[in-house]
């Protein structure tokens, strides 16, 4: 089974989250404030986490730390996942999107803001963030490390190699070791939910439909 293709074409974040709840993986959604740039956006890829930190006032001429090295390290189907900074500036922009696309990256997820919205939309690049804000990060924030675990504001941890899956209802992180099981069970659950929907559409009660399929 091709995990990424299955996620992109057959699944959605809610059912993946439900399956992980049942497996005891109950803190896998990133903060609800992180939204797709477009409601139609679907992102599925392999996490390449990036650590950003604020550097405060008095550093107006300071560069971006390891940001360009992190960006250039992206591999095909990877997702640039950035956390650790405040909401004082943008963490992602149009030129970064262009480079990520050239490298075959699957998308990016920001625990903060992006900028250059129209450019990113025109590129069709899958981006999730807390919104648009054009303030530059230069002299305000810098990347201090990458390809290491990061923890988001709500406590969700993302490690290198984890699967990141996002749609209009949120972004969920599937631990690498559990990915095949989670996706397999999610496909089974979607099949069951389709049966429930069909029973309800034919006039059956919701309770009977859920009990019949065993997914209640």
Foldseek 3Di string as FASTA:
>chain_A
DPLQVCLQPPFADVLLQVLVVVVVNNPFFADQLWFKLDQAFKFKAFEKEWEKEWDDPPQQQAAAACVVVSLQPDAARYEYEYDHYDQPAADEELVSQVSCVVRNYRAYTYAYEYEHSVNNVVVVGTYIYSYHDHHHCRSTMHIDDIQAWDAHPVGHIHHGGWMWIHHRRGIGTHGNVCSVVSSVVSSLVVVLVVQLVVCVVVPDDSVVSCVVSVND
